[in-house]
Amino acid sequence: MPDIARIPGSVGRVSGVRPEQLLIALDVDGTILHHDGRLSPRVADAIGTLRDAGAHIVIATGRSVVATTPIIEELGLVRAGGLAVCSNGAITIGLDPEYDGGYRIQEAVTFDPRPAVELLRQARPDALVAVEEVGVGFKLSAPFPDGELQGDLRIVSHEELVSAPATRVTFRDPNGSAESFSELVDRIGLHGVNYAVGFTAWLDLAPEGVSKGSAMEQVRRQLCIEPSCTIAVGDQRNDLEMLGWAARGVAMGQAPPEVVEAADETTAPVEEDGLAVLLEQVAADLSITTKGN
């Protein structure tokens, strides 16, 4: 079985901690799910083992609420007192089977999308724009590629697109690259927002100061978890702040160099169930018997 590759400064393995004292933040795409959207049984079992032992498993994703809740349900995380972070930290939801749909919006941070959207559209007029409607879907400037967004998708005018405060705005160029978006952001500058460039030509805007890391710090405080008992796992640039926030930040093996550099450790790639490799090790360190043993 592949081991965890540690780098200098790694916090090492969990010791002297009870499962209920541990907070584990998990990215979804490229971390929990394979790139084709598949959930590996091994990953599901590893998450379930720690969940059932009492560890706090918190999904932290760039996905909208609508796209996140099916994953939470599949992983058996809809439990009283559970939490999840969506929209790159702009949305935190409370989980409980008693809630309508199994969740309730606990916090939503918004920003005025107009200045950034208009600046980006001037520089890249052909880019597709999506503005999240929390718990519903997205307002769109034009159709996105099939399967990339979930929920109710409405094509609207530019004015309606930018007229209301937003939790998240996504730019997509099906014919571009991540590098071209990075160059664009560096060239034009963006103020009043936080942003993350995806592994494709995908750019997410969030409220200034908001990230998965900032949201997870609020979650940590709410759950009364010690900072030293936090683990985060991710594979993309929108995970950078979260990996830096955690006492033990772990990059997936396929992560780009800047994400690997920001992490304390690197596990195997998602294609090799790198998340399961890590979580099985955590369970062993906590003396928890995994389902596969």
C-alpha atoms as a PDB file:
ATOM      1  CA  MET A   1       0.000   0.000   0.000  1.00  0.00           C
ATOM      2  CA  PRO A   2       1.409   3.455  -0.875  1.00  0.00           C
ATOM      3  CA  ASP A   3       2.568   5.472   2.120  1.00  0.00           C
ATOM      4  CA  ILE A   4       2.262   9.160   2.857  1.00  0.00           C
ATOM      5  CA  ALA A   5       5.160  11.207   1.538  1.00  0.00           C
ATOM      6  CA  ARG A   6       6.226  13.580   4.297  1.00  0.00           C
ATOM      7  CA  ILE A   7       8.147  16.775   3.821  1.00  0.00           C
ATOM      8  CA  PRO A   8      10.164  18.710   6.420  1.00  0.00           C
ATOM      9  CA  GLY A   9       7.837  20.350   8.917  1.00  0.00           C
ATOM     10  CA  SER A  10       5.161  17.647   8.635  1.00  0.00           C
ATOM     11  CA  VAL A  11       3.143  17.262  11.832  1.00  0.00           C
ATOM     12  CA  GLY A  12       3.397  13.492  11.559  1.00  0.00           C
ATOM     13  CA  ARG A  13       0.842  10.975  12.715  1.00  0.00           C
ATOM     14  CA  VAL A  14      -2.056  11.445  15.095  1.00  0.00           C
ATOM     15  CA  SER A  15      -1.273  10.326  18.639  1.00  0.00           C
ATOM     16  CA  GLY A  16      -2.951  10.741  21.992  1.00  0.00           C
ATOM     17  CA  VAL A  17      -6.181  11.998  20.399  1.00  0.00           C
ATOM     18  CA  ARG A  18      -9.653  10.502  20.669  1.00  0.00           C
ATOM     19  CA  PRO A  19     -11.653  10.340  17.411  1.00  0.00           C
ATOM     20  CA  GLU A  20     -14.230  12.866  18.657  1.00  0.00           C
ATOM     21  CA  GLN A  21     -11.417  15.372  19.170  1.00  0.00           C
ATOM     22  CA  LEU A  22     -10.420  15.235  15.501  1.00  0.00           C
ATOM     23  CA  LEU A  23     -11.683  17.528  12.717  1.00  0.00           C
ATOM     24  CA  ILE A  24     -11.066  16.341   9.144  1.00  0.00           C
ATOM     25  CA  ALA A  25     -11.862  18.711   6.253  1.00  0.00           C
ATOM     26  CA  LEU A  26     -12.214  17.021   2.870  1.00  0.00           C
ATOM     27  CA  ASP A  27     -12.370  18.494  -0.613  1.00  0.00           C
ATOM     28  CA  VAL A  28     -14.694  16.633  -2.996  1.00  0.00           C
ATOM     29  CA  ASP A  29     -13.618  16.607  -6.653  1.00  0.00           C
ATOM     30  CA  GLY A  30     -10.197  15.062  -7.121  1.00  0.00           C
ATOM     31  CA  THR A  31     -10.028  14.132  -3.431  1.00  0.00           C
ATOM     32  CA  ILE A  32     -13.134  12.173  -2.419  1.00  0.00           C
ATOM     33  CA  LEU A  33     -14.351  11.632  -5.971  1.00  0.00           C
ATOM     34  CA  HIS A  34     -12.299  10.468  -8.927  1.00  0.00           C
ATOM     35  CA  HIS A  35     -12.189  12.824 -11.901  1.00  0.00           C
ATOM     36  CA  ASP A  36     -15.007  10.879 -13.550  1.00  0.00           C
ATOM     37  CA  GLY A  37     -17.222  11.524 -10.517  1.00  0.00           C
ATOM     38  CA  ARG A  38     -16.863   8.008  -9.129  1.00  0.00           C
ATOM     39  CA  LEU A  39     -16.722   7.334  -5.386  1.00  0.00           C
ATOM     40  CA  SER A  40     -14.310   4.495  -4.678  1.00  0.00           C
ATOM     41  CA  PRO A  41     -15.637   1.910  -2.202  1.00  0.00           C
ATOM     42  CA  ARG A  42     -12.289   2.059  -0.417  1.00  0.00           C
ATOM     43  CA  VAL A  43     -12.583   5.822   0.074  1.00  0.00           C
ATOM     44  CA  ALA A  44     -16.206   5.505   1.221  1.00  0.00           C
ATOM     45  CA  ASP A  45     -15.202   2.814   3.743  1.00  0.00           C
ATOM     46  CA  ALA A  46     -12.286   4.878   5.077  1.00  0.00           C
ATOM     47  CA  ILE A  47     -14.522   7.919   5.593  1.00  0.00           C
ATOM     48  CA  GLY A  48     -17.216   5.743   7.162  1.00  0.00           C
ATOM     49  CA  THR A  49     -14.776   4.178   9.609  1.00  0.00           C
ATOM     50  CA  LEU A  50     -13.709   7.529  11.029  1.00  0.00           C
ATOM     51  CA  ARG A  51     -17.248   8.911  10.890  1.00  0.00           C
ATOM     52  CA  ASP A  52     -18.598   5.987  12.907  1.00  0.00           C
ATOM     53  CA  ALA A  53     -15.749   6.290  15.405  1.00  0.00           C
ATOM     54  CA  GLY A  54     -16.860   9.848  16.158  1.00  0.00           C
ATOM     55  CA  ALA A  55     -14.417  11.990  14.169  1.00  0.00           C
ATOM     56  CA  HIS A  56     -15.848  15.200  12.736  1.00  0.00           C
ATOM     57  CA  ILE A  57     -15.803  14.751   8.952  1.00  0.00           C
ATOM     58  CA  VAL A  58     -16.577  18.068   7.222  1.00  0.00           C
ATOM     59  CA  ILE A  59     -16.927  18.423   3.462  1.00  0.00           C
ATOM     60  CA  ALA A  60     -15.236  21.623   2.236  1.00  0.00           C
ATOM     61  CA  THR A  61     -15.840  22.172  -1.460  1.00  0.00           C
ATOM     62  CA  GLY A  62     -16.170  24.733  -4.207  1.00  0.00           C
ATOM     63  CA  ARG A  63     -19.414  23.043  -5.227  1.00  0.00           C
ATOM     64  CA  SER A  64     -22.760  24.717  -4.685  1.00  0.00           C
ATOM     65  CA  VAL A  65     -25.085  23.476  -1.954  1.00  0.00           C
ATOM     66  CA  VAL A  66     -27.234  21.723  -4.567  1.00  0.00           C
ATOM     67  CA  ALA A  67     -24.221  19.836  -5.934  1.00  0.00           C
ATOM     68  CA  THR A  68     -22.791  19.026  -2.496  1.00  0.00           C
ATOM     69  CA  THR A  69     -25.758  17.561  -0.638  1.00  0.00           C
ATOM     70  CA  PRO A  70     -25.940  14.330  -2.708  1.00  0.00           C
ATOM     71  CA  ILE A  71     -22.298  13.590  -1.800  1.00  0.00           C
ATOM     72  CA  ILE A  72     -22.959  14.302   1.876  1.00  0.00           C
ATOM     73  CA  GLU A  73     -25.929  11.939   1.799  1.00  0.00           C
ATOM     74  CA  GLU A  74     -23.984   9.206   0.002  1.00  0.00           C
ATOM     75  CA  LEU A  75     -21.242   9.400   2.633  1.00  0.00           C
ATOM     76  CA  GLY A  76     -23.721   9.164   5.514  1.00  0.00           C
ATOM     77  CA  LEU A  77     -22.777  12.567   6.904  1.00  0.00           C
ATOM     78  CA  VAL A  78     -26.314  13.922   7.373  1.00  0.00           C
ATOM     79  CA  ARG A  79     -26.244  13.714  11.147  1.00  0.00           C
ATOM     80  CA  ALA A  80     -27.444  16.046  13.886  1.00  0.00           C
ATOM     81  CA  GLY A  81     -24.737  18.626  14.563  1.00  0.00           C
ATOM     82  CA  GLY A  82     -22.924  17.950  11.296  1.00  0.00           C
ATOM     83  CA  LEU A  83     -21.550  20.782   9.173  1.00  0.00           C
ATOM     84  CA  ALA A  84     -20.351  21.293   5.603  1.00  0.00           C
ATOM     85  CA  VAL A  85     -18.670  24.135   3.727  1.00  0.00           C
ATOM     86  CA  CYS A  86     -19.748  24.945   0.158  1.00  0.00           C
ATOM     87  CA  SER A  87     -19.002  27.575  -2.492  1.00  0.00           C
ATOM     88  CA  ASN A  88     -15.332  27.834  -1.467  1.00  0.00           C
ATOM     89  CA  GLY A  89     -16.228  28.964   2.042  1.00  0.00           C
ATOM     90  CA  ALA A  90     -19.033  31.414   1.320  1.00  0.00           C
ATOM     91  CA  ILE A  91     -21.716  28.978   2.505  1.00  0.00           C
ATOM     92  CA  THR A  92     -21.770  26.888   5.667  1.00  0.00           C
ATOM     93  CA  ILE A  93     -24.642  24.473   6.149  1.00  0.00           C
ATOM     94  CA  GLY A  94     -25.819  22.663   9.237  1.00  0.00           C
ATOM     95  CA  LEU A  95     -26.825  19.025   8.778  1.00  0.00           C
ATOM     96  CA  ASP A  96     -29.650  17.139  10.442  1.00  0.00           C
ATOM     97  CA  PRO A  97     -32.086  14.499   9.161  1.00  0.00           C
ATOM     98  CA  GLU A  98     -34.855  16.614  10.688  1.00  0.00           C
ATOM     99  CA  TYR A  99     -34.104  19.573   8.396  1.00  0.00           C
ATOM    100  CA  ASP A 100     -35.908  19.953   5.084  1.00  0.00           C
ATOM    101  CA  GLY A 101     -33.581  18.273   2.588  1.00  0.00           C
ATOM    102  CA  GLY A 102     -31.239  17.317   5.427  1.00  0.00           C
ATOM    103  CA  TYR A 103     -29.570  20.729   5.682  1.00  0.00           C
ATOM    104  CA  ARG A 104     -30.059  24.341   6.703  1.00  0.00           C
ATOM    105  CA  ILE A 105     -28.067  27.382   5.606  1.00  0.00           C
ATOM    106  CA  GLN A 106     -26.098  28.435   8.661  1.00  0.00           C
ATOM    107  CA  GLU A 107     -24.045  31.230   7.131  1.00  0.00           C
ATOM    108  CA  ALA A 108     -23.916  32.894   3.720  1.00  0.00           C
ATOM    109  CA  VAL A 109     -21.315  35.558   2.933  1.00  0.00           C
ATOM    110  CA  THR A 110     -21.994  37.696  -0.145  1.00  0.00           C
ATOM    111  CA  PHE A 111     -20.289  40.359  -2.259  1.00  0.00           C
ATOM    112  CA  ASP A 112     -21.222  42.755  -5.041  1.00  0.00           C
ATOM    113  CA  PRO A 113     -20.335  40.847  -8.224  1.00  0.00           C
ATOM    114  CA  ARG A 114     -20.707  43.778 -10.632  1.00  0.00           C
ATOM    115  CA  PRO A 115     -17.180  45.344 -10.525  1.00  0.00           C
ATOM    116  CA  ALA A 116     -15.285  42.060 -10.926  1.00  0.00           C
ATOM    117  CA  VAL A 117     -17.687  40.580 -13.478  1.00  0.00           C
ATOM    118  CA  GLU A 118     -17.611  43.674 -15.680  1.00  0.00           C
ATOM    119  CA  LEU A 119     -13.832  43.921 -15.471  1.00  0.00           C
ATOM    120  CA  LEU A 120     -13.405  40.266 -16.419  1.00  0.00           C
ATOM    121  CA  ARG A 121     -15.981  40.420 -19.207  1.00  0.00           C
ATOM    122  CA  GLN A 122     -14.195  43.398 -20.742  1.00  0.00           C
ATOM    123  CA  ALA A 123     -10.980  41.365 -20.827  1.00  0.00           C
ATOM    124  CA  ARG A 124     -12.606  38.059 -21.824  1.00  0.00           C
ATOM    125  CA  PRO A 125     -15.984  38.848 -23.491  1.00  0.00           C
ATOM    126  CA  ASP A 126     -16.506  35.273 -24.692  1.00  0.00           C
ATOM    127  CA  ALA A 127     -16.160  33.702 -21.248  1.00  0.00           C
ATOM    128  CA  LEU A 128     -19.220  32.074 -19.700  1.00  0.00           C
ATOM    129  CA  VAL A 129     -20.431  33.484 -16.386  1.00  0.00           C
ATOM    130  CA  ALA A 130     -22.440  31.745 -13.665  1.00  0.00           C
ATOM    131  CA  VAL A 131     -23.737  33.427 -10.502  1.00  0.00           C
ATOM    132  CA  GLU A 132     -24.843  31.089  -7.729  1.00  0.00           C
ATOM    133  CA  GLU A 133     -28.391  31.173  -6.384  1.00  0.00           C
ATOM    134  CA  VAL A 134     -27.998  29.469  -3.027  1.00  0.00           C
ATOM    135  CA  GLY A 135     -29.955  26.246  -2.695  1.00  0.00           C
ATOM    136  CA  VAL A 136     -31.404  26.677  -6.194  1.00  0.00           C
ATOM    137  CA  GLY A 137     -28.771  26.663  -8.931  1.00  0.00           C
ATOM    138  CA  PHE A 138     -27.152  29.360 -11.091  1.00  0.00           C
ATOM    139  CA  LYS A 139     -27.936  32.386 -13.222  1.00  0.00           C
ATOM    140  CA  LEU A 140     -25.967  32.102 -16.478  1.00  0.00           C
ATOM    141  CA  SER A 141     -24.749  34.436 -19.189  1.00  0.00           C
ATOM    142  CA  ALA A 142     -24.935  31.490 -21.645  1.00  0.00           C
ATOM    143  CA  PRO A 143     -25.128  27.691 -21.412  1.00  0.00           C
ATOM    144  CA  PHE A 144     -22.225  25.932 -19.671  1.00  0.00           C
ATOM    145  CA  PRO A 145     -20.875  22.558 -20.874  1.00  0.00           C
ATOM    146  CA  ASP A 146     -23.211  19.725 -19.898  1.00  0.00           C
ATOM    147  CA  GLY A 147     -22.758  18.365 -16.397  1.00  0.00           C
ATOM    148  CA  GLU A 148     -20.527  21.135 -15.043  1.00  0.00           C
ATOM    149  CA  LEU A 149     -23.204  22.874 -12.970  1.00  0.00           C
ATOM    150  CA  GLN A 150     -26.106  21.414 -11.039  1.00  0.00           C
ATOM    151  CA  GLY A 151     -29.500  22.742 -10.016  1.00  0.00           C
ATOM    152  CA  ASP A 152     -31.837  25.171 -11.740  1.00  0.00           C
ATOM    153  CA  LEU A 153     -29.844  26.873 -14.542  1.00  0.00           C
ATOM    154  CA  ARG A 154     -31.320  30.119 -15.921  1.00  0.00           C
ATOM    155  CA  ILE A 155     -29.908  32.238 -18.736  1.00  0.00           C
ATOM    156  CA  VAL A 156     -30.455  35.889 -17.800  1.00  0.00           C
ATOM    157  CA  SER A 157     -29.479  39.369 -18.959  1.00  0.00           C
ATOM    158  CA  HIS A 158     -26.203  40.927 -17.862  1.00  0.00           C
ATOM    159  CA  GLU A 159     -28.062  43.312 -15.574  1.00  0.00           C
ATOM    160  CA  GLU A 160     -29.860  40.493 -13.772  1.00  0.00           C
ATOM    161  CA  LEU A 161     -26.609  38.566 -13.587  1.00  0.00           C
ATOM    162  CA  VAL A 162     -24.889  41.264 -11.501  1.00  0.00           C
ATOM    163  CA  SER A 163     -27.814  43.031  -9.836  1.00  0.00           C
ATOM    164  CA  ALA A 164     -27.864  41.165  -6.509  1.00  0.00           C
ATOM    165  CA  PRO A 165     -25.229  40.220  -3.904  1.00  0.00           C
ATOM    166  CA  ALA A 166     -23.652  36.840  -4.665  1.00  0.00           C
ATOM    167  CA  THR A 167     -21.881  34.113  -2.735  1.00  0.00           C
ATOM    168  CA  ARG A 168     -19.950  32.805  -5.731  1.00  0.00           C
ATOM    169  CA  VAL A 169     -19.328  33.719  -9.360  1.00  0.00           C
ATOM    170  CA  THR A 170     -17.743  31.338 -11.855  1.00  0.00           C
ATOM    171  CA  PHE A 171     -16.038  32.194 -15.154  1.00  0.00           C
ATOM    172  CA  ARG A 172     -15.498  29.442 -17.678  1.00  0.00           C
ATOM    173  CA  ASP A 173     -13.700  29.433 -21.023  1.00  0.00           C
ATOM    174  CA  PRO A 174     -14.217  26.044 -22.720  1.00  0.00           C
ATOM    175  CA  ASN A 175     -11.531  26.932 -25.247  1.00  0.00           C
ATOM    176  CA  GLY A 176      -8.985  28.346 -22.807  1.00  0.00           C
ATOM    177  CA  SER A 177      -6.643  27.039 -20.121  1.00  0.00           C
ATOM    178  CA  ALA A 178      -6.003  27.493 -16.413  1.00  0.00           C
ATOM    179  CA  GLU A 179      -2.753  29.251 -17.273  1.00  0.00           C
ATOM    180  CA  SER A 180      -4.547  31.806 -19.442  1.00  0.00           C
ATOM    181  CA  PHE A 181      -6.921  32.653 -16.595  1.00  0.00           C
ATOM    182  CA  SER A 182      -4.022  32.993 -14.156  1.00  0.00           C
ATOM    183  CA  GLU A 183      -2.283  35.370 -16.545  1.00  0.00           C
ATOM    184  CA  LEU A 184      -5.499  37.353 -16.995  1.00  0.00           C
ATOM    185  CA  VAL A 185      -6.016  37.783 -13.243  1.00  0.00           C
ATOM    186  CA  ASP A 186      -2.402  38.873 -12.781  1.00  0.00           C
ATOM    187  CA  ARG A 187      -2.730  41.358 -15.629  1.00  0.00           C
ATOM    188  CA  ILE A 188      -5.997  43.089 -14.753  1.00  0.00           C
ATOM    189  CA  GLY A 189      -5.944  42.759 -10.961  1.00  0.00           C
ATOM    190  CA  LEU A 190      -9.043  41.910  -8.953  1.00  0.00           C
ATOM    191  CA  HIS A 191     -10.055  43.864  -5.870  1.00  0.00           C
ATOM    192  CA  GLY A 192     -12.761  43.262  -3.301  1.00  0.00           C
ATOM    193  CA  VAL A 193     -12.956  39.520  -3.987  1.00  0.00           C
ATOM    194  CA  ASN A 194     -11.112  36.307  -3.283  1.00  0.00           C
ATOM    195  CA  TYR A 195     -10.452  34.101  -6.310  1.00  0.00           C
ATOM    196  CA  ALA A 196      -9.182  30.652  -7.246  1.00  0.00           C
ATOM    197  CA  VAL A 197      -8.221  29.308 -10.664  1.00  0.00           C
ATOM    198  CA  GLY A 198      -9.327  25.731 -11.348  1.00  0.00           C
ATOM    199  CA  PHE A 199      -7.421  22.949 -13.077  1.00  0.00           C
ATOM    200  CA  THR A 200      -9.234  23.819 -16.325  1.00  0.00           C
ATOM    201  CA  ALA A 201     -10.095  27.303 -17.639  1.00  0.00           C
ATOM    202  CA  TRP A 202     -12.269  27.893 -14.587  1.00  0.00           C
ATOM    203  CA  LEU A 203     -12.152  30.917 -12.270  1.00  0.00           C
ATOM    204  CA  ASP A 204     -14.172  31.148  -9.051  1.00  0.00           C
ATOM    205  CA  LEU A 205     -14.793  34.460  -7.302  1.00  0.00           C
ATOM    206  CA  ALA A 206     -15.780  34.614  -3.628  1.00  0.00           C
ATOM    207  CA  PRO A 207     -16.235  37.406  -1.073  1.00  0.00           C
ATOM    208  CA  GLU A 208     -12.974  39.068  -0.043  1.00  0.00           C
ATOM    209  CA  GLY A 209     -11.308  37.238   2.839  1.00  0.00           C
ATOM    210  CA  VAL A 210     -13.511  34.172   2.372  1.00  0.00           C
ATOM    211  CA  SER A 211     -11.999  30.775   1.600  1.00  0.00           C
ATOM    212  CA  LYS A 212     -12.337  27.175   2.629  1.00  0.00           C
ATOM    213  CA  GLY A 213      -9.738  27.931   5.286  1.00  0.00           C
ATOM    214  CA  SER A 214     -11.639  30.863   6.809  1.00  0.00           C
ATOM    215  CA  ALA A 215     -14.870  28.860   6.873  1.00  0.00           C
ATOM    216  CA  MET A 216     -13.166  25.837   8.426  1.00  0.00           C
ATOM    217  CA  GLU A 217     -11.779  28.017  11.204  1.00  0.00           C
ATOM    218  CA  GLN A 218     -15.341  29.028  12.064  1.00  0.00           C
ATOM    219  CA  VAL A 219     -16.356  25.364  11.974  1.00  0.00           C
ATOM    220  CA  ARG A 220     -13.445  24.444  14.245  1.00  0.00           C
ATOM    221  CA  ARG A 221     -14.485  27.051  16.790  1.00  0.00           C
ATOM    222  CA  GLN A 222     -18.113  25.966  16.672  1.00  0.00           C
ATOM    223  CA  LEU A 223     -17.147  22.328  17.267  1.00  0.00           C
ATOM    224  CA  CYS A 224     -14.641  23.302  20.002  1.00  0.00           C
ATOM    225  CA  ILE A 225     -11.793  21.402  18.333  1.00  0.00           C
ATOM    226  CA  GLU A 226      -8.204  22.253  19.245  1.00  0.00           C
ATOM    227  CA  PRO A 227      -6.199  23.730  16.337  1.00  0.00           C
ATOM    228  CA  SER A 228      -3.653  20.926  16.678  1.00  0.00           C
ATOM    229  CA  CYS A 229      -6.368  18.327  15.981  1.00  0.00           C
ATOM    230  CA  THR A 230      -7.205  19.450  12.443  1.00  0.00           C
ATOM    231  CA  ILE A 231      -6.514  17.665   9.158  1.00  0.00           C
ATOM    232  CA  ALA A 232      -7.359  18.959   5.668  1.00  0.00           C
ATOM    233  CA  VAL A 233      -7.043  17.195   2.319  1.00  0.00           C
ATOM    234  CA  GLY A 234      -7.311  18.807  -1.128  1.00  0.00           C
ATOM    235  CA  ASP A 235      -5.920  18.876  -4.629  1.00  0.00           C
ATOM    236  CA  GLN A 236      -6.450  22.328  -6.157  1.00  0.00           C
ATOM    237  CA  ARG A 237      -5.662  26.014  -5.768  1.00  0.00           C
ATOM    238  CA  ASN A 238      -8.933  26.691  -3.962  1.00  0.00           C
ATOM    239  CA  ASP A 239      -7.606  24.381  -1.222  1.00  0.00           C
ATOM    240  CA  LEU A 240      -4.474  26.425  -0.515  1.00  0.00           C
ATOM    241  CA  GLU A 241      -5.860  28.404   2.428  1.00  0.00           C
ATOM    242  CA  MET A 242      -7.447  25.298   3.946  1.00  0.00           C
ATOM    243  CA  LEU A 243      -4.213  23.313   3.717  1.00  0.00           C
ATOM    244  CA  GLY A 244      -2.415  26.182   5.426  1.00  0.00           C
ATOM    245  CA  TRP A 245      -5.130  26.395   8.101  1.00  0.00           C
ATOM    246  CA  ALA A 246      -4.931  22.751   9.150  1.00  0.00           C
ATOM    247  CA  ALA A 247      -2.354  21.412  11.564  1.00  0.00           C
ATOM    248  CA  ARG A 248      -1.894  18.634   9.034  1.00  0.00           C
ATOM    249  CA  GLY A 249      -2.488  19.749   5.458  1.00  0.00           C
ATOM    250  CA  VAL A 250      -2.337  16.911   2.929  1.00  0.00           C
ATOM    251  CA  ALA A 251      -2.163  17.371  -0.843  1.00  0.00           C
ATOM    252  CA  MET A 252      -3.383  14.709  -3.232  1.00  0.00           C
ATOM    253  CA  GLY A 253      -0.663  13.195  -5.378  1.00  0.00           C
ATOM    254  CA  GLN A 254      -1.928  14.787  -8.605  1.00  0.00           C
ATOM    255  CA  ALA A 255      -2.078  18.302  -7.125  1.00  0.00           C
ATOM    256  CA  PRO A 256      -0.194  21.112  -8.916  1.00  0.00           C
ATOM    257  CA  PRO A 257       3.193  22.136  -7.481  1.00  0.00           C
ATOM    258  CA  GLU A 258       1.958  25.175  -5.540  1.00  0.00           C
ATOM    259  CA  VAL A 259      -0.605  23.020  -3.718  1.00  0.00           C
ATOM    260  CA  VAL A 260       1.974  20.365  -2.868  1.00  0.00           C
ATOM    261  CA  GLU A 261       4.300  23.096  -1.612  1.00  0.00           C
ATOM    262  CA  ALA A 262       1.564  24.539   0.629  1.00  0.00           C
ATOM    263  CA  ALA A 263       0.827  21.163   2.222  1.00  0.00           C
ATOM    264  CA  ASP A 264       2.663  19.363   5.024  1.00  0.00           C
ATOM    265  CA  GLU A 265       2.371  16.014   3.273  1.00  0.00           C
ATOM    266  CA  THR A 266       1.437  14.442  -0.037  1.00  0.00           C
ATOM    267  CA  THR A 267      -0.575  11.266  -0.359  1.00  0.00           C
ATOM    268  CA  ALA A 268      -1.151   9.088  -3.422  1.00  0.00           C
ATOM    269  CA  PRO A 269      -3.149  10.472  -6.382  1.00  0.00           C
ATOM    270  CA  VAL A 270      -6.922  10.187  -6.465  1.00  0.00           C
ATOM    271  CA  GLU A 271      -6.632   7.423  -9.080  1.00  0.00           C
ATOM    272  CA  GLU A 272      -4.832   5.356  -6.420  1.00  0.00           C
ATOM    273  CA  ASP A 273      -7.329   6.261  -3.661  1.00  0.00           C
ATOM    274  CA  GLY A 274      -4.874   8.577  -1.967  1.00  0.00           C
ATOM    275  CA  LEU A 275      -7.522   9.844   0.456  1.00  0.00           C
ATOM    276  CA  ALA A 276      -8.167   6.295   1.659  1.00  0.00           C
ATOM    277  CA  VAL A 277      -4.418   5.762   2.105  1.00  0.00           C
ATOM    278  CA  LEU A 278      -4.317   8.751   4.441  1.00  0.00           C
ATOM    279  CA  LEU A 279      -7.538   8.040   6.344  1.00  0.00           C
ATOM    280  CA  GLU A 280      -6.648   4.386   6.871  1.00  0.00           C
ATOM    281  CA  GLN A 281      -3.397   5.548   8.406  1.00  0.00           C
ATOM    282  CA  VAL A 282      -5.242   8.006  10.644  1.00  0.00           C
ATOM    283  CA  ALA A 283      -7.599   5.227  11.761  1.00  0.00           C
ATOM    284  CA  ALA A 284      -4.639   2.963  12.514  1.00  0.00           C
ATOM    285  CA  ASP A 285      -2.966   5.723  14.521  1.00  0.00           C
ATOM    286  CA  LEU A 286      -6.185   6.065  16.535  1.00  0.00           C
ATOM    287  CA  SER A 287      -6.306   2.274  16.990  1.00  0.00           C
ATOM    288  CA  ILE A 288      -9.580   2.077  15.036  1.00  0.00           C
ATOM    289  CA  THR A 289     -10.229  -1.137  13.144  1.00  0.00           C
ATOM    290  CA  THR A 290     -11.079  -0.331   9.530  1.00  0.00           C
ATOM    291  CA  LYS A 291     -13.916  -2.053   7.709  1.00  0.00           C
ATOM    292  CA  GLY A 292     -11.465  -3.713   5.371  1.00  0.00           C
ATOM    293  CA  ASN A 293      -9.627  -5.434   8.222  1.00  0.00           C
END
